[in-house]
């Protein structure tokens, strides 16, 4: 009986958060181990299903870097990273789109649909809702910088009770252009701003933003982040993540979260408990 009471108490504790987020839009960047490990994938899908059923409007932007690397290795195509971002050659771009818009996107969509939600997989090329230009063609090749997001395309899907599952591939300037590979963190940030989302949540393979003693920093603001980047506490692949968070809150998103996707039900723990489990970045 005591175990049953504890279950009920957990639901009661979560109730204020469910009320708070009902009807609100939350953008989730899905990547890392949570996107690879079979058990974590199933837990993620159930978290999304619960959020959907309690009235949260969920939008998912996914990466797929590990699978892209695997395919590039098999094809003996070299790849390079600068400041945590992929340099996308013409050969890389073909593989990037095949993996992101094809196998990864449809796997996520099928998993969510199997767990009882209406998910639909798209890329930025669909309805040309995500447009981009070269970030720096000489340095990054076909890695793009987003120039516009047509939020109305996503809003129609949301209004029709779909969860958009978005592959971060943007349309180029003309029909013959292969398109642009967009950093999934930055895509999630731009989409969250365009939709004026309540939150944007980044699933990673670390506890959150850590100090030099590898301890979690539960909350951060812009000034604190600038200092941490300056003294190299924040470095490498974490830089585009915190930059995406700052862009989000500067654009009107209330809060940005960086959480550990390796923890089962990490989304629910972050959103529906007072303590949370990761780093919250806010004004």
C-alpha atoms as a PDB file:
ATOM      1  CA  UNK A   1       0.000   0.000   0.000  1.00  0.00           C
ATOM      2  CA  UNK A   2       2.837   2.418   0.864  1.00  0.00           C
ATOM      3  CA  UNK A   3       4.303   1.996  -2.632  1.00  0.00           C
ATOM      4  CA  UNK A   4       0.929   2.880  -4.169  1.00  0.00           C
ATOM      5  CA  UNK A   5       0.701   5.993  -1.984  1.00  0.00           C
ATOM      6  CA  UNK A   6       4.185   7.043  -3.106  1.00  0.00           C
ATOM      7  CA  UNK A   7       3.145   6.666  -6.744  1.00  0.00           C
ATOM      8  CA  UNK A   8       0.124   8.901  -6.141  1.00  0.00           C
ATOM      9  CA  UNK A   9       2.311  11.442  -4.316  1.00  0.00           C
ATOM     10  CA  UNK A  10       4.651  11.562  -7.312  1.00  0.00           C
ATOM     11  CA  UNK A  11       1.704  12.349  -9.566  1.00  0.00           C
ATOM     12  CA  UNK A  12       0.478  15.046  -7.191  1.00  0.00           C
ATOM     13  CA  UNK A  13       3.960  16.613  -7.081  1.00  0.00           C
ATOM     14  CA  UNK A  14       4.051  16.705 -10.881  1.00  0.00           C
ATOM     15  CA  UNK A  15       0.557  18.183 -11.208  1.00  0.00           C
ATOM     16  CA  UNK A  16       1.527  21.903 -10.916  1.00  0.00           C
ATOM     17  CA  UNK A  17       4.084  21.469 -13.703  1.00  0.00           C
ATOM     18  CA  UNK A  18       1.570  19.648 -15.886  1.00  0.00           C
ATOM     19  CA  UNK A  19      -0.847  22.555 -15.372  1.00  0.00           C
ATOM     20  CA  UNK A  20       1.885  25.104 -16.109  1.00  0.00           C
ATOM     21  CA  UNK A  21       2.965  23.530 -19.400  1.00  0.00           C
ATOM     22  CA  UNK A  22      -0.446  22.446 -20.687  1.00  0.00           C
ATOM     23  CA  UNK A  23      -0.953  24.046 -24.103  1.00  0.00           C
ATOM     24  CA  UNK A  24       2.627  25.340 -24.227  1.00  0.00           C
ATOM     25  CA  UNK A  25       5.186  24.543 -26.918  1.00  0.00           C
ATOM     26  CA  UNK A  26       8.416  22.807 -25.920  1.00  0.00           C
ATOM     27  CA  UNK A  27      11.154  22.217 -28.493  1.00  0.00           C
ATOM     28  CA  UNK A  28      13.442  19.254 -27.809  1.00  0.00           C
ATOM     29  CA  UNK A  29      16.814  18.654 -29.424  1.00  0.00           C
ATOM     30  CA  UNK A  30      17.215  14.883 -29.460  1.00  0.00           C
ATOM     31  CA  UNK A  31      20.694  13.441 -29.823  1.00  0.00           C
ATOM     32  CA  UNK A  32      23.563  11.587 -28.183  1.00  0.00           C
ATOM     33  CA  UNK A  33      23.152   8.293 -26.340  1.00  0.00           C
ATOM     34  CA  UNK A  34      19.400   8.815 -25.957  1.00  0.00           C
ATOM     35  CA  UNK A  35      19.163   8.502 -29.735  1.00  0.00           C
ATOM     36  CA  UNK A  36      21.357   5.380 -29.952  1.00  0.00           C
ATOM     37  CA  UNK A  37      20.764   3.136 -26.924  1.00  0.00           C
ATOM     38  CA  UNK A  38      17.648   0.922 -27.498  1.00  0.00           C
ATOM     39  CA  UNK A  39      16.398   1.225 -23.899  1.00  0.00           C
ATOM     40  CA  UNK A  40      16.894   5.000 -23.807  1.00  0.00           C
ATOM     41  CA  UNK A  41      15.108   5.367 -27.154  1.00  0.00           C
ATOM     42  CA  UNK A  42      12.086   3.574 -25.738  1.00  0.00           C
ATOM     43  CA  UNK A  43      12.126   5.669 -22.540  1.00  0.00           C
ATOM     44  CA  UNK A  44      12.386   8.850 -24.630  1.00  0.00           C
ATOM     45  CA  UNK A  45       9.377   7.832 -26.720  1.00  0.00           C
ATOM     46  CA  UNK A  46       7.317   7.176 -23.589  1.00  0.00           C
ATOM     47  CA  UNK A  47       8.332  10.542 -22.117  1.00  0.00           C
ATOM     48  CA  UNK A  48       7.193  12.255 -25.312  1.00  0.00           C
ATOM     49  CA  UNK A  49       3.936  10.281 -25.303  1.00  0.00           C
ATOM     50  CA  UNK A  50       3.189  11.387 -21.745  1.00  0.00           C
ATOM     51  CA  UNK A  51       3.986  15.026 -22.537  1.00  0.00           C
ATOM     52  CA  UNK A  52       1.727  14.816 -25.595  1.00  0.00           C
ATOM     53  CA  UNK A  53      -1.147  13.251 -23.643  1.00  0.00           C
ATOM     54  CA  UNK A  54      -1.086  15.964 -20.930  1.00  0.00           C
ATOM     55  CA  UNK A  55      -1.432  18.675 -23.549  1.00  0.00           C
ATOM     56  CA  UNK A  56       2.148  19.813 -24.199  1.00  0.00           C
ATOM     57  CA  UNK A  57       2.872  20.798 -27.803  1.00  0.00           C
ATOM     58  CA  UNK A  58       6.117  18.988 -28.559  1.00  0.00           C
ATOM     59  CA  UNK A  59       8.485  19.710 -31.441  1.00  0.00           C
ATOM     60  CA  UNK A  60      11.546  17.478 -31.908  1.00  0.00           C
ATOM     61  CA  UNK A  61      14.736  18.420 -33.738  1.00  0.00           C
ATOM     62  CA  UNK A  62      17.164  15.532 -34.018  1.00  0.00           C
ATOM     63  CA  UNK A  63      20.812  15.036 -34.780  1.00  0.00           C
ATOM     64  CA  UNK A  64      22.446  11.932 -36.154  1.00  0.00           C
ATOM     65  CA  UNK A  65      26.157  12.617 -36.033  1.00  0.00           C
ATOM     66  CA  UNK A  66      27.192   9.163 -34.845  1.00  0.00           C
ATOM     67  CA  UNK A  67      25.318   7.399 -37.618  1.00  0.00           C
ATOM     68  CA  UNK A  68      26.630   9.880 -40.197  1.00  0.00           C
ATOM     69  CA  UNK A  69      30.187   9.156 -39.030  1.00  0.00           C
ATOM     70  CA  UNK A  70      29.573   5.413 -39.279  1.00  0.00           C
ATOM     71  CA  UNK A  71      28.341   5.658 -42.866  1.00  0.00           C
ATOM     72  CA  UNK A  72      31.148   8.034 -43.871  1.00  0.00           C
ATOM     73  CA  UNK A  73      33.685   5.596 -42.414  1.00  0.00           C
ATOM     74  CA  UNK A  74      32.158   2.694 -44.347  1.00  0.00           C
ATOM     75  CA  UNK A  75      32.337   4.741 -47.553  1.00  0.00           C
ATOM     76  CA  UNK A  76      35.902   5.865 -46.743  1.00  0.00           C
ATOM     77  CA  UNK A  77      34.863   9.528 -46.905  1.00  0.00           C
ATOM     78  CA  UNK A  78      36.856  11.838 -44.650  1.00  0.00           C
ATOM     79  CA  UNK A  79      35.118  14.234 -42.272  1.00  0.00           C
ATOM     80  CA  UNK A  80      36.392  17.112 -40.151  1.00  0.00           C
ATOM     81  CA  UNK A  81      35.093  19.192 -37.232  1.00  0.00           C
ATOM     82  CA  UNK A  82      35.906  22.803 -36.334  1.00  0.00           C
ATOM     83  CA  UNK A  83      34.671  24.235 -33.006  1.00  0.00           C
ATOM     84  CA  UNK A  84      32.317  21.291 -32.606  1.00  0.00           C
ATOM     85  CA  UNK A  85      30.687  21.741 -36.030  1.00  0.00           C
ATOM     86  CA  UNK A  86      31.025  19.460 -39.033  1.00  0.00           C
ATOM     87  CA  UNK A  87      32.785  20.656 -42.171  1.00  0.00           C
ATOM     88  CA  UNK A  88      30.372  19.452 -44.869  1.00  0.00           C
ATOM     89  CA  UNK A  89      31.891  18.684 -48.259  1.00  0.00           C
ATOM     90  CA  UNK A  90      29.686  17.876 -51.267  1.00  0.00           C
ATOM     91  CA  UNK A  91      30.267  14.148 -50.601  1.00  0.00           C
ATOM     92  CA  UNK A  92      29.470  14.629 -46.907  1.00  0.00           C
ATOM     93  CA  UNK A  93      26.274  16.515 -47.737  1.00  0.00           C
ATOM     94  CA  UNK A  94      24.839  13.634 -49.742  1.00  0.00           C
ATOM     95  CA  UNK A  95      25.411  11.251 -46.840  1.00  0.00           C
ATOM     96  CA  UNK A  96      24.183  13.769 -44.245  1.00  0.00           C
ATOM     97  CA  UNK A  97      20.841  14.185 -46.001  1.00  0.00           C
ATOM     98  CA  UNK A  98      20.456  10.458 -46.633  1.00  0.00           C
ATOM     99  CA  UNK A  99      21.021   9.658 -42.947  1.00  0.00           C
ATOM    100  CA  UNK A 100      19.194  12.572 -41.308  1.00  0.00           C
ATOM    101  CA  UNK A 101      16.158  12.911 -43.574  1.00  0.00           C
ATOM    102  CA  UNK A 102      16.014   9.192 -44.289  1.00  0.00           C
ATOM    103  CA  UNK A 103      16.878   6.506 -41.782  1.00  0.00           C
ATOM    104  CA  UNK A 104      17.197   8.542 -38.560  1.00  0.00           C
ATOM    105  CA  UNK A 105      14.120  10.723 -39.083  1.00  0.00           C
ATOM    106  CA  UNK A 106      11.857   7.838 -40.010  1.00  0.00           C
ATOM    107  CA  UNK A 107      13.104   5.633 -37.188  1.00  0.00           C
ATOM    108  CA  UNK A 108      12.215   8.321 -34.618  1.00  0.00           C
ATOM    109  CA  UNK A 109       8.851   8.985 -36.233  1.00  0.00           C
ATOM    110  CA  UNK A 110       7.950   5.294 -36.291  1.00  0.00           C
ATOM    111  CA  UNK A 111       8.989   4.858 -32.654  1.00  0.00           C
ATOM    112  CA  UNK A 112       6.785   7.747 -31.508  1.00  0.00           C
ATOM    113  CA  UNK A 113       3.819   6.585 -33.553  1.00  0.00           C
ATOM    114  CA  UNK A 114       4.206   3.107 -32.060  1.00  0.00           C
ATOM    115  CA  UNK A 115       3.903   4.693 -28.601  1.00  0.00           C
ATOM    116  CA  UNK A 116       0.568   6.294 -29.359  1.00  0.00           C
ATOM    117  CA  UNK A 117       1.317   9.796 -30.623  1.00  0.00           C
ATOM    118  CA  UNK A 118       0.838  11.378 -34.048  1.00  0.00           C
ATOM    119  CA  UNK A 119       4.361  12.116 -35.250  1.00  0.00           C
ATOM    120  CA  UNK A 120       5.308  13.278 -38.719  1.00  0.00           C
ATOM    121  CA  UNK A 121       8.871  13.413 -40.041  1.00  0.00           C
ATOM    122  CA  UNK A 122      10.047  16.368 -42.130  1.00  0.00           C
ATOM    123  CA  UNK A 123      13.230  18.227 -43.020  1.00  0.00           C
ATOM    124  CA  UNK A 124      13.808  21.922 -43.521  1.00  0.00           C
ATOM    125  CA  UNK A 125      13.422  21.344 -47.247  1.00  0.00           C
ATOM    126  CA  UNK A 126       9.751  20.383 -46.834  1.00  0.00           C
ATOM    127  CA  UNK A 127       7.650  23.410 -47.771  1.00  0.00           C
ATOM    128  CA  UNK A 128      11.041  25.197 -47.692  1.00  0.00           C
ATOM    129  CA  UNK A 129      10.246  26.091 -44.101  1.00  0.00           C
ATOM    130  CA  UNK A 130      13.951  26.304 -43.133  1.00  0.00           C
ATOM    131  CA  UNK A 131      16.169  28.366 -45.424  1.00  0.00           C
ATOM    132  CA  UNK A 132      19.909  28.866 -45.046  1.00  0.00           C
ATOM    133  CA  UNK A 133      23.045  30.262 -46.580  1.00  0.00           C
ATOM    134  CA  UNK A 134      26.646  29.128 -46.320  1.00  0.00           C
ATOM    135  CA  UNK A 135      28.092  29.650 -42.863  1.00  0.00           C
ATOM    136  CA  UNK A 136      31.527  30.064 -44.436  1.00  0.00           C
ATOM    137  CA  UNK A 137      31.826  28.135 -47.679  1.00  0.00           C
ATOM    138  CA  UNK A 138      35.627  28.078 -47.709  1.00  0.00           C
ATOM    139  CA  UNK A 139      35.874  26.891 -44.102  1.00  0.00           C
ATOM    140  CA  UNK A 140      32.696  24.826 -43.588  1.00  0.00           C
ATOM    141  CA  UNK A 141      31.531  23.899 -47.094  1.00  0.00           C
ATOM    142  CA  UNK A 142      27.816  23.059 -47.106  1.00  0.00           C
ATOM    143  CA  UNK A 143      27.369  23.671 -43.390  1.00  0.00           C
ATOM    144  CA  UNK A 144      24.732  26.387 -43.274  1.00  0.00           C
ATOM    145  CA  UNK A 145      23.551  29.317 -41.214  1.00  0.00           C
ATOM    146  CA  UNK A 146      19.763  29.629 -40.992  1.00  0.00           C
ATOM    147  CA  UNK A 147      18.318  32.723 -42.649  1.00  0.00           C
ATOM    148  CA  UNK A 148      14.604  32.108 -42.032  1.00  0.00           C
ATOM    149  CA  UNK A 149      12.088  29.752 -40.432  1.00  0.00           C
ATOM    150  CA  UNK A 150       8.496  29.664 -41.668  1.00  0.00           C
ATOM    151  CA  UNK A 151       6.820  28.907 -38.350  1.00  0.00           C
ATOM    152  CA  UNK A 152       3.369  28.691 -39.973  1.00  0.00           C
ATOM    153  CA  UNK A 153       4.281  25.330 -41.544  1.00  0.00           C
ATOM    154  CA  UNK A 154       5.102  23.854 -38.142  1.00  0.00           C
ATOM    155  CA  UNK A 155       2.174  25.583 -36.455  1.00  0.00           C
ATOM    156  CA  UNK A 156      -0.296  23.948 -38.847  1.00  0.00           C
ATOM    157  CA  UNK A 157       1.094  20.535 -37.958  1.00  0.00           C
ATOM    158  CA  UNK A 158       0.941  21.342 -34.236  1.00  0.00           C
ATOM    159  CA  UNK A 159      -2.638  22.614 -34.557  1.00  0.00           C
ATOM    160  CA  UNK A 160      -3.554  19.326 -36.223  1.00  0.00           C
ATOM    161  CA  UNK A 161      -2.139  17.485 -33.165  1.00  0.00           C
ATOM    162  CA  UNK A 162       1.024  16.253 -34.879  1.00  0.00           C
ATOM    163  CA  UNK A 163       4.470  16.185 -33.314  1.00  0.00           C
ATOM    164  CA  UNK A 164       6.880  17.483 -35.977  1.00  0.00           C
ATOM    165  CA  UNK A 165      10.109  15.461 -36.035  1.00  0.00           C
ATOM    166  CA  UNK A 166      12.623  17.645 -37.865  1.00  0.00           C
ATOM    167  CA  UNK A 167      15.818  16.679 -39.676  1.00  0.00           C
ATOM    168  CA  UNK A 168      18.110  19.742 -39.681  1.00  0.00           C
ATOM    169  CA  UNK A 169      18.668  19.978 -43.436  1.00  0.00           C
ATOM    170  CA  UNK A 170      17.843  23.381 -44.932  1.00  0.00           C
ATOM    171  CA  UNK A 171      16.937  24.385 -48.456  1.00  0.00           C
ATOM    172  CA  UNK A 172      19.464  26.253 -50.577  1.00  0.00           C
ATOM    173  CA  UNK A 173      19.155  29.182 -52.936  1.00  0.00           C
ATOM    174  CA  UNK A 174      18.127  27.323 -56.122  1.00  0.00           C
ATOM    175  CA  UNK A 175      16.747  24.018 -57.339  1.00  0.00           C
ATOM    176  CA  UNK A 176      20.152  22.483 -58.113  1.00  0.00           C
ATOM    177  CA  UNK A 177      21.612  23.380 -54.724  1.00  0.00           C
ATOM    178  CA  UNK A 178      22.091  20.260 -52.523  1.00  0.00           C
ATOM    179  CA  UNK A 179      20.948  22.106 -49.408  1.00  0.00           C
ATOM    180  CA  UNK A 180      22.717  22.815 -46.145  1.00  0.00           C
ATOM    181  CA  UNK A 181      23.681  20.741 -43.148  1.00  0.00           C
ATOM    182  CA  UNK A 182      22.532  22.647 -40.070  1.00  0.00           C
ATOM    183  CA  UNK A 183      23.859  22.090 -36.558  1.00  0.00           C
ATOM    184  CA  UNK A 184      20.896  20.485 -34.762  1.00  0.00           C
ATOM    185  CA  UNK A 185      21.385  22.606 -31.625  1.00  0.00           C
ATOM    186  CA  UNK A 186      21.202  25.811 -33.650  1.00  0.00           C
ATOM    187  CA  UNK A 187      18.222  24.514 -35.634  1.00  0.00           C
ATOM    188  CA  UNK A 188      16.369  23.769 -32.386  1.00  0.00           C
ATOM    189  CA  UNK A 189      17.155  27.264 -31.126  1.00  0.00           C
ATOM    190  CA  UNK A 190      15.877  28.997 -34.273  1.00  0.00           C
ATOM    191  CA  UNK A 191      12.741  26.867 -34.336  1.00  0.00           C
ATOM    192  CA  UNK A 192      12.048  27.563 -30.643  1.00  0.00           C
ATOM    193  CA  UNK A 193      12.341  31.311 -31.275  1.00  0.00           C
ATOM    194  CA  UNK A 194      10.169  31.172 -34.398  1.00  0.00           C
ATOM    195  CA  UNK A 195       7.443  29.337 -32.453  1.00  0.00           C
ATOM    196  CA  UNK A 196       7.983  31.471 -29.320  1.00  0.00           C
ATOM    197  CA  UNK A 197       8.232  28.241 -27.362  1.00  0.00           C
ATOM    198  CA  UNK A 198       8.019  28.109 -23.587  1.00  0.00           C
ATOM    199  CA  UNK A 199      11.204  26.042 -23.382  1.00  0.00           C
ATOM    200  CA  UNK A 200      13.902  24.464 -25.487  1.00  0.00           C
ATOM    201  CA  UNK A 201      15.593  21.349 -24.089  1.00  0.00           C
ATOM    202  CA  UNK A 202      18.895  19.903 -25.343  1.00  0.00           C
ATOM    203  CA  UNK A 203      19.593  16.222 -24.615  1.00  0.00           C
ATOM    204  CA  UNK A 204      23.329  15.590 -24.335  1.00  0.00           C
ATOM    205  CA  UNK A 205      25.827  13.001 -23.095  1.00  0.00           C
ATOM    206  CA  UNK A 206      26.855  15.051 -20.074  1.00  0.00           C
ATOM    207  CA  UNK A 207      25.133  16.097 -16.840  1.00  0.00           C
ATOM    208  CA  UNK A 208      24.789  19.639 -18.168  1.00  0.00           C
ATOM    209  CA  UNK A 209      27.243  22.521 -18.040  1.00  0.00           C
ATOM    210  CA  UNK A 210      30.060  21.617 -15.652  1.00  0.00           C
ATOM    211  CA  UNK A 211      32.573  23.725 -13.734  1.00  0.00           C
ATOM    212  CA  UNK A 212      36.319  23.047 -13.688  1.00  0.00           C
ATOM    213  CA  UNK A 213      35.791  20.489 -10.902  1.00  0.00           C
ATOM    214  CA  UNK A 214      33.309  18.648 -13.144  1.00  0.00           C
ATOM    215  CA  UNK A 215      30.397  19.634 -10.924  1.00  0.00           C
ATOM    216  CA  UNK A 216      27.015  20.518 -12.396  1.00  0.00           C
ATOM    217  CA  UNK A 217      26.108  24.205 -12.672  1.00  0.00           C
ATOM    218  CA  UNK A 218      22.306  24.151 -12.116  1.00  0.00           C
ATOM    219  CA  UNK A 219      21.584  27.676 -13.407  1.00  0.00           C
ATOM    220  CA  UNK A 220      23.442  30.120 -15.631  1.00  0.00           C
ATOM    221  CA  UNK A 221      22.887  33.478 -17.288  1.00  0.00           C
ATOM    222  CA  UNK A 222      24.579  35.212 -20.218  1.00  0.00           C
ATOM    223  CA  UNK A 223      27.281  36.983 -18.198  1.00  0.00           C
ATOM    224  CA  UNK A 224      28.254  33.798 -16.385  1.00  0.00           C
ATOM    225  CA  UNK A 225      28.434  31.870 -19.666  1.00  0.00           C
ATOM    226  CA  UNK A 226      30.702  34.488 -21.262  1.00  0.00           C
ATOM    227  CA  UNK A 227      33.143  34.159 -18.354  1.00  0.00           C
ATOM    228  CA  UNK A 228      33.087  30.352 -18.544  1.00  0.00           C
ATOM    229  CA  UNK A 229      33.862  30.445 -22.268  1.00  0.00           C
ATOM    230  CA  UNK A 230      36.643  32.988 -21.716  1.00  0.00           C
ATOM    231  CA  UNK A 231      38.415  30.788 -19.155  1.00  0.00           C
ATOM    232  CA  UNK A 232      37.749  27.658 -21.284  1.00  0.00           C
ATOM    233  CA  UNK A 233      35.525  25.979 -18.703  1.00  0.00           C
ATOM    234  CA  UNK A 234      33.029  25.780 -21.554  1.00  0.00           C
ATOM    235  CA  UNK A 235      34.810  24.500 -24.664  1.00  0.00           C
ATOM    236  CA  UNK A 236      34.495  22.259 -27.719  1.00  0.00           C
ATOM    237  CA  UNK A 237      31.066  20.880 -28.519  1.00  0.00           C
ATOM    238  CA  UNK A 238      29.475  22.586 -25.508  1.00  0.00           C
ATOM    239  CA  UNK A 239      30.061  26.027 -27.080  1.00  0.00           C
ATOM    240  CA  UNK A 240      27.419  25.660 -29.834  1.00  0.00           C
ATOM    241  CA  UNK A 241      24.993  24.258 -27.256  1.00  0.00           C
ATOM    242  CA  UNK A 242      25.251  27.191 -24.857  1.00  0.00           C
ATOM    243  CA  UNK A 243      25.278  29.598 -27.830  1.00  0.00           C
ATOM    244  CA  UNK A 244      22.036  28.015 -29.004  1.00  0.00           C
ATOM    245  CA  UNK A 245      20.601  28.443 -25.493  1.00  0.00           C
ATOM    246  CA  UNK A 246      21.556  32.118 -25.407  1.00  0.00           C
ATOM    247  CA  UNK A 247      20.093  32.714 -28.869  1.00  0.00           C
ATOM    248  CA  UNK A 248      16.862  31.095 -27.679  1.00  0.00           C
ATOM    249  CA  UNK A 249      16.369  33.236 -24.604  1.00  0.00           C
ATOM    250  CA  UNK A 250      17.478  36.378 -26.431  1.00  0.00           C
ATOM    251  CA  UNK A 251      14.760  35.575 -28.974  1.00  0.00           C
ATOM    252  CA  UNK A 252      11.979  35.295 -26.406  1.00  0.00           C
ATOM    253  CA  UNK A 253      12.067  31.664 -25.230  1.00  0.00           C
ATOM    254  CA  UNK A 254      11.553  31.653 -21.464  1.00  0.00           C
ATOM    255  CA  UNK A 255      14.174  29.040 -20.521  1.00  0.00           C
ATOM    256  CA  UNK A 256      16.718  26.746 -22.151  1.00  0.00           C
ATOM    257  CA  UNK A 257      17.801  23.451 -20.589  1.00  0.00           C
ATOM    258  CA  UNK A 258      20.838  21.245 -21.147  1.00  0.00           C
ATOM    259  CA  UNK A 259      20.214  17.805 -19.640  1.00  0.00           C
ATOM    260  CA  UNK A 260      21.742  14.339 -19.575  1.00  0.00           C
ATOM    261  CA  UNK A 261      19.931  12.130 -22.068  1.00  0.00           C
ATOM    262  CA  UNK A 262      21.727   9.074 -20.666  1.00  0.00           C
ATOM    263  CA  UNK A 263      19.431   9.208 -17.620  1.00  0.00           C
ATOM    264  CA  UNK A 264      16.182   7.296 -18.022  1.00  0.00           C
ATOM    265  CA  UNK A 265      13.145   9.613 -18.238  1.00  0.00           C
ATOM    266  CA  UNK A 266      15.438  12.651 -18.161  1.00  0.00           C
ATOM    267  CA  UNK A 267      12.802  14.852 -19.807  1.00  0.00           C
ATOM    268  CA  UNK A 268      10.184  14.128 -17.154  1.00  0.00           C
ATOM    269  CA  UNK A 269      12.704  14.584 -14.352  1.00  0.00           C
ATOM    270  CA  UNK A 270      13.704  17.986 -15.709  1.00  0.00           C
ATOM    271  CA  UNK A 271      10.228  19.284 -16.530  1.00  0.00           C
ATOM    272  CA  UNK A 272       8.029  17.773 -13.823  1.00  0.00           C
ATOM    273  CA  UNK A 273      10.196  18.009 -10.682  1.00  0.00           C
ATOM    274  CA  UNK A 274      11.235  21.049  -8.652  1.00  0.00           C
ATOM    275  CA  UNK A 275      14.941  20.186  -8.589  1.00  0.00           C
ATOM    276  CA  UNK A 276      15.402  19.148 -12.222  1.00  0.00           C
ATOM    277  CA  UNK A 277      18.551  17.298 -13.292  1.00  0.00           C
ATOM    278  CA  UNK A 278      20.473  19.582 -15.657  1.00  0.00           C
ATOM    279  CA  UNK A 279      21.485  23.181 -16.318  1.00  0.00           C
ATOM    280  CA  UNK A 280      18.843  25.870 -16.833  1.00  0.00           C
ATOM    281  CA  UNK A 281      19.869  28.980 -18.775  1.00  0.00           C
ATOM    282  CA  UNK A 282      17.661  32.015 -18.371  1.00  0.00           C
ATOM    283  CA  UNK A 283      17.703  35.786 -18.393  1.00  0.00           C
END
